[in-house]
PDB file of all heavy atoms in Angstrom:
ATOM      1  N   LYS A   1      -3.831   4.249 -10.436  1.00  0.00           N
ATOM      2  CA  LYS A   1      -5.187   4.742 -10.669  1.00  0.00           C
ATOM      3  C   LYS A   1      -5.898   5.035  -9.354  1.00  0.00           C
ATOM      4  O   LYS A   1      -5.628   4.382  -8.333  1.00  0.00           O
ATOM      5  CB  LYS A   1      -5.967   3.687 -11.453  1.00  0.00           C
ATOM      6  CG  LYS A   1      -7.388   4.056 -11.797  1.00  0.00           C
ATOM      7  CD  LYS A   1      -8.035   2.917 -12.565  1.00  0.00           C
ATOM      8  CE  LYS A   1      -9.468   3.231 -12.911  1.00  0.00           C
ATOM      9  NZ  LYS A   1     -10.122   2.096 -13.601  1.00  0.00           N
ATOM     10  N   VAL A   2      -6.782   6.011  -9.383  1.00  0.00           N
ATOM     11  CA  VAL A   2      -7.648   6.301  -8.245  1.00  0.00           C
ATOM     12  C   VAL A   2      -9.076   6.407  -8.759  1.00  0.00           C
ATOM     13  O   VAL A   2      -9.353   7.134  -9.720  1.00  0.00           O
ATOM     14  CB  VAL A   2      -7.260   7.614  -7.536  1.00  0.00           C
ATOM     15  CG1 VAL A   2      -8.253   7.912  -6.407  1.00  0.00           C
ATOM     16  CG2 VAL A   2      -5.849   7.529  -6.976  1.00  0.00           C
ATOM     17  N   SER A   3      -9.992   5.645  -8.118  1.00  0.00           N
ATOM     18  CA  SER A   3     -11.422   5.697  -8.443  1.00  0.00           C
ATOM     19  C   SER A   3     -12.170   6.272  -7.242  1.00  0.00           C
ATOM     20  O   SER A   3     -11.870   5.924  -6.086  1.00  0.00           O
ATOM     21  CB  SER A   3     -11.947   4.294  -8.759  1.00  0.00           C
ATOM     22  OG  SER A   3     -11.239   3.701  -9.833  1.00  0.00           O
ATOM     23  N   TYR A   4     -13.163   7.128  -7.522  1.00  0.00           N
ATOM     24  CA  TYR A   4     -13.891   7.828  -6.465  1.00  0.00           C
ATOM     25  C   TYR A   4     -15.391   7.698  -6.719  1.00  0.00           C
ATOM     26  O   TYR A   4     -15.872   8.040  -7.809  1.00  0.00           O
ATOM     27  CB  TYR A   4     -13.477   9.292  -6.428  1.00  0.00           C
ATOM     28  CG  TYR A   4     -14.179  10.122  -5.371  1.00  0.00           C
ATOM     29  CD1 TYR A   4     -13.684  10.182  -4.069  1.00  0.00           C
ATOM     30  CD2 TYR A   4     -15.336  10.828  -5.668  1.00  0.00           C
ATOM     31  CE1 TYR A   4     -14.325  10.928  -3.093  1.00  0.00           C
ATOM     32  CE2 TYR A   4     -15.988  11.588  -4.707  1.00  0.00           C
ATOM     33  CZ  TYR A   4     -15.478  11.632  -3.413  1.00  0.00           C
ATOM     34  OH  TYR A   4     -16.117  12.367  -2.443  1.00  0.00           O
ATOM     35  N   ALA A   5     -16.130   7.208  -5.730  1.00  0.00           N
ATOM     36  CA  ALA A   5     -17.569   6.992  -5.873  1.00  0.00           C
ATOM     37  C   ALA A   5     -18.339   8.278  -5.605  1.00  0.00           C
ATOM     38  O   ALA A   5     -18.260   8.838  -4.501  1.00  0.00           O
ATOM     39  CB  ALA A   5     -18.026   5.897  -4.914  1.00  0.00           C
ATOM     40  N   VAL A   6     -19.095   8.724  -6.606  1.00  0.00           N
ATOM     41  CA  VAL A   6     -19.929   9.918  -6.445  1.00  0.00           C
ATOM     42  C   VAL A   6     -21.351   9.541  -6.057  1.00  0.00           C
ATOM     43  O   VAL A   6     -22.217  10.404  -5.910  1.00  0.00           O
ATOM     44  CB  VAL A   6     -19.928  10.769  -7.734  1.00  0.00           C
ATOM     45  CG1 VAL A   6     -18.539  11.303  -8.025  1.00  0.00           C
ATOM     46  CG2 VAL A   6     -20.442   9.964  -8.925  1.00  0.00           C
ATOM     47  N   THR A   7     -21.606   8.240  -5.913  1.00  0.00           N
ATOM     48  CA  THR A   7     -22.868   7.718  -5.381  1.00  0.00           C
ATOM     49  C   THR A   7     -22.519   6.745  -4.265  1.00  0.00           C
ATOM     50  O   THR A   7     -21.353   6.537  -3.942  1.00  0.00           O
ATOM     51  CB  THR A   7     -23.659   6.970  -6.470  1.00  0.00           C
ATOM     52  OG1 THR A   7     -22.905   5.814  -6.871  1.00  0.00           O
ATOM     53  CG2 THR A   7     -23.911   7.858  -7.677  1.00  0.00           C
ATOM     54  N   THR A   8     -23.542   6.130  -3.666  1.00  0.00           N
ATOM     55  CA  THR A   8     -23.258   5.050  -2.736  1.00  0.00           C
ATOM     56  C   THR A   8     -22.536   3.926  -3.484  1.00  0.00           C
ATOM     57  O   THR A   8     -22.702   3.761  -4.693  1.00  0.00           O
ATOM     58  CB  THR A   8     -24.549   4.510  -2.101  1.00  0.00           C
ATOM     59  OG1 THR A   8     -25.482   4.173  -3.130  1.00  0.00           O
ATOM     60  CG2 THR A   8     -25.156   5.537  -1.174  1.00  0.00           C
ATOM     61  N   LEU A   9     -21.738   3.148  -2.748  1.00  0.00           N
ATOM     62  CA  LEU A   9     -20.852   2.159  -3.353  1.00  0.00           C
ATOM     63  C   LEU A   9     -21.434   0.752  -3.236  1.00  0.00           C
ATOM     64  O   LEU A   9     -21.534   0.202  -2.145  1.00  0.00           O
ATOM     65  CB  LEU A   9     -19.482   2.213  -2.671  1.00  0.00           C
ATOM     66  CG  LEU A   9     -18.411   1.283  -3.242  1.00  0.00           C
ATOM     67  CD1 LEU A   9     -17.876   1.843  -4.568  1.00  0.00           C
ATOM     68  CD2 LEU A   9     -17.266   1.101  -2.247  1.00  0.00           C
ATOM     69  N   PHE A  10     -21.840   0.179  -4.356  1.00  0.00           N
ATOM     70  CA  PHE A  10     -22.255  -1.219  -4.448  1.00  0.00           C
ATOM     71  C   PHE A  10     -23.249  -1.622  -3.362  1.00  0.00           C
ATOM     72  O   PHE A  10     -23.135  -2.699  -2.756  1.00  0.00           O
ATOM     73  CB  PHE A  10     -21.030  -2.135  -4.416  1.00  0.00           C
ATOM     74  CG  PHE A  10     -19.996  -1.787  -5.454  1.00  0.00           C
ATOM     75  CD1 PHE A  10     -18.656  -1.694  -5.121  1.00  0.00           C
ATOM     76  CD2 PHE A  10     -20.369  -1.540  -6.773  1.00  0.00           C
ATOM     77  CE1 PHE A  10     -17.700  -1.370  -6.073  1.00  0.00           C
ATOM     78  CE2 PHE A  10     -19.423  -1.213  -7.735  1.00  0.00           C
ATOM     79  CZ  PHE A  10     -18.088  -1.123  -7.392  1.00  0.00           C
ATOM     80  N   GLY A  11     -24.220  -0.742  -3.100  1.00  0.00           N
ATOM     81  CA  GLY A  11     -25.296  -1.081  -2.175  1.00  0.00           C
ATOM     82  C   GLY A  11     -25.038  -0.780  -0.722  1.00  0.00           C
ATOM     83  O   GLY A  11     -25.923  -1.007   0.116  1.00  0.00           O
ATOM     84  N   ASN A  12     -23.852  -0.282  -0.365  1.00  0.00           N
ATOM     85  CA  ASN A  12     -23.573   0.067   1.033  1.00  0.00           C
ATOM     86  C   ASN A  12     -24.155   1.435   1.356  1.00  0.00           C
ATOM     87  O   ASN A  12     -23.777   2.438   0.738  1.00  0.00           O
ATOM     88  CB  ASN A  12     -22.068   0.067   1.294  1.00  0.00           C
ATOM     89  CG  ASN A  12     -21.462  -1.318   1.230  1.00  0.00           C
ATOM     90  OD1 ASN A  12     -21.901  -2.229   1.925  1.00  0.00           O
ATOM     91  ND2 ASN A  12     -20.466  -1.483   0.384  1.00  0.00           N
ATOM     92  N   ALA A  13     -25.046   1.501   2.309  1.00  0.00           N
ATOM     93  CA  ALA A  13     -25.715   2.750   2.646  1.00  0.00           C
ATOM     94  C   ALA A  13     -24.715   3.792   3.145  1.00  0.00           C
ATOM     95  O   ALA A  13     -23.710   3.460   3.781  1.00  0.00           O
ATOM     96  CB  ALA A  13     -26.786   2.499   3.702  1.00  0.00           C
ATOM     97  N   ASN A  14     -24.980   5.062   2.824  1.00  0.00           N
ATOM     98  CA  ASN A  14     -24.184   6.204   3.314  1.00  0.00           C
ATOM     99  C   ASN A  14     -22.716   6.126   2.903  1.00  0.00           C
ATOM    100  O   ASN A  14     -21.844   6.631   3.618  1.00  0.00           O
ATOM    101  CB  ASN A  14     -24.262   6.304   4.847  1.00  0.00           C
ATOM    102  CG  ASN A  14     -25.672   6.526   5.345  1.00  0.00           C
ATOM    103  OD1 ASN A  14     -26.513   7.060   4.624  1.00  0.00           O
ATOM    104  ND2 ASN A  14     -25.941   6.108   6.562  1.00  0.00           N
ATOM    105  N   SER A  15     -22.415   5.504   1.765  1.00  0.00           N
ATOM    106  CA  SER A  15     -21.015   5.266   1.394  1.00  0.00           C
ATOM    107  C   SER A  15     -20.505   6.169   0.275  1.00  0.00           C
ATOM    108  O   SER A  15     -19.412   5.934  -0.262  1.00  0.00           O
ATOM    109  CB  SER A  15     -20.830   3.803   0.980  1.00  0.00           C
ATOM    110  OG  SER A  15     -21.685   3.474  -0.106  1.00  0.00           O
ATOM    111  N   THR A  16     -21.264   7.195  -0.104  1.00  0.00           N
ATOM    112  CA  THR A  16     -20.787   8.142  -1.107  1.00  0.00           C
ATOM    113  C   THR A  16     -19.453   8.752  -0.651  1.00  0.00           C
ATOM    114  O   THR A  16     -19.293   9.095   0.514  1.00  0.00           O
ATOM    115  CB  THR A  16     -21.814   9.265  -1.323  1.00  0.00           C
ATOM    116  OG1 THR A  16     -23.046   8.680  -1.766  1.00  0.00           O
ATOM    117  CG2 THR A  16     -21.335  10.262  -2.365  1.00  0.00           C
ATOM    118  N   GLY A  17     -18.507   8.863  -1.570  1.00  0.00           N
ATOM    119  CA  GLY A  17     -17.190   9.375  -1.225  1.00  0.00           C
ATOM    120  C   GLY A  17     -16.164   8.281  -0.979  1.00  0.00           C
ATOM    121  O   GLY A  17     -15.006   8.568  -0.665  1.00  0.00           O
ATOM    122  N   SER A  18     -16.564   7.027  -1.134  1.00  0.00           N
ATOM    123  CA  SER A  18     -15.611   5.925  -1.032  1.00  0.00           C
ATOM    124  C   SER A  18     -14.615   6.007  -2.187  1.00  0.00           C
ATOM    125  O   SER A  18     -14.911   6.555  -3.246  1.00  0.00           O
ATOM    126  CB  SER A  18     -16.342   4.579  -1.072  1.00  0.00           C
ATOM    127  OG  SER A  18     -17.257   4.459  -0.003  1.00  0.00           O
ATOM    128  N   TYR A  19     -13.434   5.443  -2.000  1.00  0.00           N
ATOM    129  CA  TYR A  19     -12.433   5.527  -3.070  1.00  0.00           C
ATOM    130  C   TYR A  19     -11.561   4.274  -3.103  1.00  0.00           C
ATOM    131  O   TYR A  19     -11.485   3.516  -2.113  1.00  0.00           O
ATOM    132  CB  TYR A  19     -11.566   6.776  -2.904  1.00  0.00           C
ATOM    133  CG  TYR A  19     -10.900   6.924  -1.564  1.00  0.00           C
ATOM    134  CD1 TYR A  19      -9.689   6.285  -1.267  1.00  0.00           C
ATOM    135  CD2 TYR A  19     -11.477   7.718  -0.578  1.00  0.00           C
ATOM    136  CE1 TYR A  19      -9.076   6.430  -0.034  1.00  0.00           C
ATOM    137  CE2 TYR A  19     -10.868   7.862   0.663  1.00  0.00           C
ATOM    138  CZ  TYR A  19      -9.671   7.222   0.931  1.00  0.00           C
ATOM    139  OH  TYR A  19      -9.071   7.362   2.159  1.00  0.00           O
ATOM    140  N   TYR A  20     -10.898   4.083  -4.255  1.00  0.00           N
ATOM    141  CA  TYR A  20     -10.073   2.890  -4.460  1.00  0.00           C
ATOM    142  C   TYR A  20      -8.820   3.257  -5.239  1.00  0.00           C
ATOM    143  O   TYR A  20      -8.855   3.381  -6.463  1.00  0.00           O
ATOM    144  CB  TYR A  20     -10.869   1.832  -5.231  1.00  0.00           C
ATOM    145  CG  TYR A  20     -10.121   0.535  -5.451  1.00  0.00           C
ATOM    146  CD1 TYR A  20      -9.963  -0.386  -4.429  1.00  0.00           C
ATOM    147  CD2 TYR A  20      -9.579   0.217  -6.702  1.00  0.00           C
ATOM    148  CE1 TYR A  20      -9.291  -1.587  -4.622  1.00  0.00           C
ATOM    149  CE2 TYR A  20      -8.909  -0.975  -6.904  1.00  0.00           C
ATOM    150  CZ  TYR A  20      -8.775  -1.878  -5.869  1.00  0.00           C
ATOM    151  OH  TYR A  20      -8.097  -3.062  -6.074  1.00  0.00           O
ATOM    152  N   PRO A  21      -7.677   3.442  -4.569  1.00  0.00           N
ATOM    153  CA  PRO A  21      -6.407   3.604  -5.271  1.00  0.00           C
ATOM    154  C   PRO A  21      -5.803   2.230  -5.546  1.00  0.00           C
ATOM    155  O   PRO A  21      -5.893   1.320  -4.709  1.00  0.00           O
ATOM    156  CB  PRO A  21      -5.559   4.398  -4.270  1.00  0.00           C
ATOM    157  CG  PRO A  21      -6.092   3.995  -2.938  1.00  0.00           C
ATOM    158  CD  PRO A  21      -7.543   3.674  -3.116  1.00  0.00           C
ATOM    159  N   ASP A  22      -5.186   2.057  -6.717  1.00  0.00           N
ATOM    160  CA  ASP A  22      -4.568   0.772  -7.009  1.00  0.00           C
ATOM    161  C   ASP A  22      -3.395   0.924  -7.954  1.00  0.00           C
ATOM    162  O   ASP A  22      -3.257   1.930  -8.664  1.00  0.00           O
ATOM    163  CB  ASP A  22      -5.585  -0.230  -7.561  1.00  0.00           C
ATOM    164  CG  ASP A  22      -6.123   0.158  -8.931  1.00  0.00           C
ATOM    165  OD1 ASP A  22      -6.673   1.269  -9.057  1.00  0.00           O
ATOM    166  OD2 ASP A  22      -5.984  -0.628  -9.882  1.00  0.00           O
ATOM    167  N   LEU A  23      -2.537  -0.086  -7.958  1.00  0.00           N
ATOM    168  CA  LEU A  23      -1.343  -0.119  -8.789  1.00  0.00           C
ATOM    169  C   LEU A  23      -1.259  -1.483  -9.460  1.00  0.00           C
ATOM    170  O   LEU A  23      -1.376  -2.516  -8.791  1.00  0.00           O
ATOM    171  CB  LEU A  23      -0.087   0.113  -7.939  1.00  0.00           C
ATOM    172  CG  LEU A  23       1.265  -0.034  -8.653  1.00  0.00           C
ATOM    173  CD1 LEU A  23       1.457   1.072  -9.685  1.00  0.00           C
ATOM    174  CD2 LEU A  23       2.409  -0.028  -7.629  1.00  0.00           C
ATOM    175  N   THR A  24      -1.045  -1.488 -10.784  1.00  0.00           N
ATOM    176  CA  THR A  24      -0.907  -2.720 -11.556  1.00  0.00           C
ATOM    177  C   THR A  24       0.408  -2.691 -12.319  1.00  0.00           C
ATOM    178  O   THR A  24       0.749  -1.666 -12.927  1.00  0.00           O
ATOM    179  CB  THR A  24      -2.076  -2.895 -12.537  1.00  0.00           C
ATOM    180  OG1 THR A  24      -3.284  -3.096 -11.792  1.00  0.00           O
ATOM    181  CG2 THR A  24      -1.861  -4.082 -13.461  1.00  0.00           C
ATOM    182  N   LEU A  25       1.144  -3.804 -12.283  1.00  0.00           N
ATOM    183  CA  LEU A  25       2.412  -3.931 -12.995  1.00  0.00           C
ATOM    184  C   LEU A  25       2.375  -5.186 -13.863  1.00  0.00           C
ATOM    185  O   LEU A  25       1.878  -6.236 -13.428  1.00  0.00           O
ATOM    186  CB  LEU A  25       3.590  -4.038 -12.019  1.00  0.00           C
ATOM    187  CG  LEU A  25       3.870  -2.830 -11.127  1.00  0.00           C
ATOM    188  CD1 LEU A  25       4.956  -3.177 -10.112  1.00  0.00           C
ATOM    189  CD2 LEU A  25       4.298  -1.630 -11.959  1.00  0.00           C
ATOM    190  N   ASN A  26       2.926  -5.081 -15.078  1.00  0.00           N
ATOM    191  CA  ASN A  26       3.037  -6.212 -15.990  1.00  0.00           C
ATOM    192  C   ASN A  26       4.478  -6.291 -16.485  1.00  0.00           C
ATOM    193  O   ASN A  26       5.055  -5.280 -16.885  1.00  0.00           O
ATOM    194  CB  ASN A  26       2.095  -6.054 -17.179  1.00  0.00           C
ATOM    195  CG  ASN A  26       0.652  -5.858 -16.751  1.00  0.00           C
ATOM    196  OD1 ASN A  26       0.065  -6.698 -16.084  1.00  0.00           O
ATOM    197  ND2 ASN A  26       0.070  -4.719 -17.121  1.00  0.00           N
ATOM    198  N   TYR A  27       5.030  -7.497 -16.476  1.00  0.00           N
ATOM    199  CA  TYR A  27       6.411  -7.695 -16.913  1.00  0.00           C
ATOM    200  C   TYR A  27       6.441  -8.718 -18.037  1.00  0.00           C
ATOM    201  O   TYR A  27       6.057  -9.880 -17.845  1.00  0.00           O
ATOM    202  CB  TYR A  27       7.286  -8.164 -15.757  1.00  0.00           C
ATOM    203  CG  TYR A  27       8.696  -8.527 -16.182  1.00  0.00           C
ATOM    204  CD1 TYR A  27       9.608  -7.534 -16.539  1.00  0.00           C
ATOM    205  CD2 TYR A  27       9.110  -9.854 -16.237  1.00  0.00           C
ATOM    206  CE1 TYR A  27      10.897  -7.860 -16.947  1.00  0.00           C
ATOM    207  CE2 TYR A  27      10.393 -10.189 -16.630  1.00  0.00           C
ATOM    208  CZ  TYR A  27      11.283  -9.183 -16.994  1.00  0.00           C
ATOM    209  OH  TYR A  27      12.558  -9.511 -17.399  1.00  0.00           O
ATOM    210  N   ASP A  28       6.879  -8.274 -19.221  1.00  0.00           N
ATOM    211  CA  ASP A  28       7.022  -9.159 -20.373  1.00  0.00           C
ATOM    212  C   ASP A  28       8.276 -10.006 -20.178  1.00  0.00           C
ATOM    213  O   ASP A  28       9.399  -9.497 -20.249  1.00  0.00           O
ATOM    214  CB  ASP A  28       7.121  -8.330 -21.649  1.00  0.00           C
ATOM    215  CG  ASP A  28       7.191  -9.184 -22.907  1.00  0.00           C
ATOM    216  OD1 ASP A  28       7.264 -10.424 -22.790  1.00  0.00           O
ATOM    217  OD2 ASP A  28       7.177  -8.610 -24.008  1.00  0.00           O
ATOM    218  N   THR A  29       8.094 -11.295 -19.933  1.00  0.00           N
ATOM    219  CA  THR A  29       9.233 -12.157 -19.643  1.00  0.00           C
ATOM    220  C   THR A  29      10.088 -12.427 -20.881  1.00  0.00           C
ATOM    221  O   THR A  29      11.239 -12.873 -20.758  1.00  0.00           O
ATOM    222  CB  THR A  29       8.761 -13.505 -19.083  1.00  0.00           C
ATOM    223  OG1 THR A  29       8.027 -14.218 -20.099  1.00  0.00           O
ATOM    224  CG2 THR A  29       7.889 -13.293 -17.848  1.00  0.00           C
ATOM    225  N   GLY A  30       9.528 -12.185 -22.075  1.00  0.00           N
ATOM    226  CA  GLY A  30      10.256 -12.491 -23.297  1.00  0.00           C
ATOM    227  C   GLY A  30      10.311 -13.979 -23.591  1.00  0.00           C
ATOM    228  O   GLY A  30      11.012 -14.413 -24.515  1.00  0.00           O
ATOM    229  N   PHE A  31       9.575 -14.763 -22.826  1.00  0.00           N
ATOM    230  CA  PHE A  31       9.584 -16.216 -22.987  1.00  0.00           C
ATOM    231  C   PHE A  31       8.192 -16.718 -23.321  1.00  0.00           C
ATOM    232  O   PHE A  31       7.257 -16.546 -22.531  1.00  0.00           O
ATOM    233  CB  PHE A  31      10.078 -16.885 -21.699  1.00  0.00           C
ATOM    234  CG  PHE A  31       9.993 -18.383 -21.706  1.00  0.00           C
ATOM    235  CD1 PHE A  31      10.873 -19.141 -22.467  1.00  0.00           C
ATOM    236  CD2 PHE A  31       9.019 -19.039 -20.965  1.00  0.00           C
ATOM    237  CE1 PHE A  31      10.782 -20.521 -22.481  1.00  0.00           C
ATOM    238  CE2 PHE A  31       8.926 -20.420 -20.974  1.00  0.00           C
ATOM    239  CZ  PHE A  31       9.817 -21.160 -21.736  1.00  0.00           C
ATOM    240  N   TRP A  32       8.042 -17.278 -24.520  1.00  0.00           N
ATOM    241  CA  TRP A  32       6.822 -17.994 -24.907  1.00  0.00           C
ATOM    242  C   TRP A  32       5.556 -17.135 -24.769  1.00  0.00           C
ATOM    243  O   TRP A  32       4.482 -17.633 -24.509  1.00  0.00           O
ATOM    244  CB  TRP A  32       6.698 -19.275 -24.081  1.00  0.00           C
ATOM    245  CG  TRP A  32       5.890 -20.321 -24.747  1.00  0.00           C
ATOM    246  CD1 TRP A  32       5.963 -20.761 -26.035  1.00  0.00           C
ATOM    247  CD2 TRP A  32       4.842 -21.092 -24.128  1.00  0.00           C
ATOM    248  NE1 TRP A  32       5.044 -21.747 -26.266  1.00  0.00           N
ATOM    249  CE2 TRP A  32       4.347 -21.977 -25.100  1.00  0.00           C
ATOM    250  CE3 TRP A  32       4.298 -21.129 -22.840  1.00  0.00           C
ATOM    251  CZ2 TRP A  32       3.318 -22.887 -24.839  1.00  0.00           C
ATOM    252  CZ3 TRP A  32       3.281 -22.038 -22.581  1.00  0.00           C
ATOM    253  CH2 TRP A  32       2.796 -22.898 -23.568  1.00  0.00           C
ATOM    254  N   GLY A  33       5.695 -15.824 -24.953  1.00  0.00           N
ATOM    255  CA  GLY A  33       4.534 -14.941 -24.896  1.00  0.00           C
ATOM    256  C   GLY A  33       3.919 -14.799 -23.522  1.00  0.00           C
ATOM    257  O   GLY A  33       2.726 -14.492 -23.400  1.00  0.00           O
ATOM    258  N   ILE A  34       4.729 -14.997 -22.479  1.00  0.00           N
ATOM    259  CA  ILE A  34       4.200 -14.961 -21.108  1.00  0.00           C
ATOM    260  C   ILE A  34       4.514 -13.614 -20.458  1.00  0.00           C
ATOM    261  O   ILE A  34       5.642 -13.132 -20.517  1.00  0.00           O
ATOM    262  CB  ILE A  34       4.784 -16.101 -20.257  1.00  0.00           C
ATOM    263  CG1 ILE A  34       4.272 -17.446 -20.783  1.00  0.00           C
ATOM    264  CG2 ILE A  34       4.400 -15.937 -18.787  1.00  0.00           C
ATOM    265  CD1 ILE A  34       4.843 -18.641 -20.050  1.00  0.00           C
ATOM    266  N   THR A  35       3.508 -13.025 -19.832  1.00  0.00           N
ATOM    267  CA  THR A  35       3.645 -11.786 -19.071  1.00  0.00           C
ATOM    268  C   THR A  35       3.287 -12.044 -17.612  1.00  0.00           C
ATOM    269  O   THR A  35       2.260 -12.672 -17.326  1.00  0.00           O
ATOM    270  CB  THR A  35       2.736 -10.682 -19.635  1.00  0.00           C
ATOM    271  OG1 THR A  35       3.099 -10.415 -20.989  1.00  0.00           O
ATOM    272  CG2 THR A  35       2.849  -9.404 -18.823  1.00  0.00           C
ATOM    273  N   ALA A  36       4.140 -11.595 -16.703  1.00  0.00           N
ATOM    274  CA  ALA A  36       3.851 -11.696 -15.274  1.00  0.00           C
ATOM    275  C   ALA A  36       3.051 -10.469 -14.841  1.00  0.00           C
ATOM    276  O   ALA A  36       3.345  -9.347 -15.245  1.00  0.00           O
ATOM    277  CB  ALA A  36       5.151 -11.798 -14.470  1.00  0.00           C
ATOM    278  N   ASN A  37       2.034 -10.682 -14.009  1.00  0.00           N
ATOM    279  CA  ASN A  37       1.125  -9.607 -13.605  1.00  0.00           C
ATOM    280  C   ASN A  37       1.091  -9.477 -12.087  1.00  0.00           C
ATOM    281  O   ASN A  37       1.075 -10.476 -11.371  1.00  0.00           O
ATOM    282  CB  ASN A  37      -0.305  -9.880 -14.096  1.00  0.00           C
ATOM    283  CG  ASN A  37      -0.345 -10.398 -15.514  1.00  0.00           C
ATOM    284  OD1 ASN A  37      -0.802 -11.518 -15.738  1.00  0.00           O
ATOM    285  ND2 ASN A  37       0.131  -9.614 -16.463  1.00  0.00           N
ATOM    286  N   GLY A  38       1.082  -8.249 -11.598  1.00  0.00           N
ATOM    287  CA  GLY A  38       0.940  -7.992 -10.173  1.00  0.00           C
ATOM    288  C   GLY A  38      -0.004  -6.824  -9.935  1.00  0.00           C
ATOM    289  O   GLY A  38      -0.054  -5.882 -10.745  1.00  0.00           O
ATOM    290  N   HIS A  39      -0.756  -6.870  -8.863  1.00  0.00           N
ATOM    291  CA  HIS A  39      -1.733  -5.818  -8.563  1.00  0.00           C
ATOM    292  C   HIS A  39      -1.894  -5.687  -7.061  1.00  0.00           C
ATOM    293  O   HIS A  39      -1.878  -6.679  -6.323  1.00  0.00           O
ATOM    294  CB  HIS A  39      -3.092  -6.159  -9.193  1.00  0.00           C
ATOM    295  CG  HIS A  39      -4.232  -5.347  -8.652  1.00  0.00           C
ATOM    296  ND1 HIS A  39      -4.591  -4.134  -9.190  1.00  0.00           N
ATOM    297  CD2 HIS A  39      -5.075  -5.569  -7.613  1.00  0.00           C
ATOM    298  CE1 HIS A  39      -5.620  -3.648  -8.504  1.00  0.00           C
ATOM    299  NE2 HIS A  39      -5.926  -4.491  -7.551  1.00  0.00           N
ATOM    300  N   VAL A  40      -2.067  -4.448  -6.587  1.00  0.00           N
ATOM    301  CA  VAL A  40      -2.403  -4.187  -5.194  1.00  0.00           C
ATOM    302  C   VAL A  40      -3.338  -2.983  -5.149  1.00  0.00           C
ATOM    303  O   VAL A  40      -3.209  -2.039  -5.953  1.00  0.00           O
ATOM    304  CB  VAL A  40      -1.136  -3.932  -4.346  1.00  0.00           C
ATOM    305  CG1 VAL A  40      -0.391  -2.684  -4.810  1.00  0.00           C
ATOM    306  CG2 VAL A  40      -1.474  -3.839  -2.863  1.00  0.00           C
ATOM    307  N   GLY A  41      -4.316  -3.013  -4.255  1.00  0.00           N
ATOM    308  CA  GLY A  41      -5.268  -1.911  -4.145  1.00  0.00           C
ATOM    309  C   GLY A  41      -5.817  -1.810  -2.736  1.00  0.00           C
ATOM    310  O   GLY A  41      -5.614  -2.705  -1.901  1.00  0.00           O
ATOM    311  N   TYR A  42      -6.524  -0.718  -2.466  1.00  0.00           N
ATOM    312  CA  TYR A  42      -7.146  -0.531  -1.157  1.00  0.00           C
ATOM    313  C   TYR A  42      -8.537   0.067  -1.353  1.00  0.00           C
ATOM    314  O   TYR A  42      -8.676   1.181  -1.886  1.00  0.00           O
ATOM    315  CB  TYR A  42      -6.319   0.395  -0.260  1.00  0.00           C
ATOM    316  CG  TYR A  42      -6.942   0.613   1.098  1.00  0.00           C
ATOM    317  CD1 TYR A  42      -6.893  -0.395   2.060  1.00  0.00           C
ATOM    318  CD2 TYR A  42      -7.595   1.793   1.415  1.00  0.00           C
ATOM    319  CE1 TYR A  42      -7.481  -0.221   3.304  1.00  0.00           C
ATOM    320  CE2 TYR A  42      -8.180   1.991   2.657  1.00  0.00           C
ATOM    321  CZ  TYR A  42      -8.122   0.976   3.601  1.00  0.00           C
ATOM    322  OH  TYR A  42      -8.716   1.147   4.831  1.00  0.00           O
TER     323      TYR A  42
END
């Protein structure tokens, strides 16, 4: 996913145009309804 701010970002002045690419992975272990989750972003 990629998110792009069309306004200032969370109160930071002059920050319009900030962006956040990220990747999320989920792995169904098949054991006891447990899923492993991983995420990285910038």
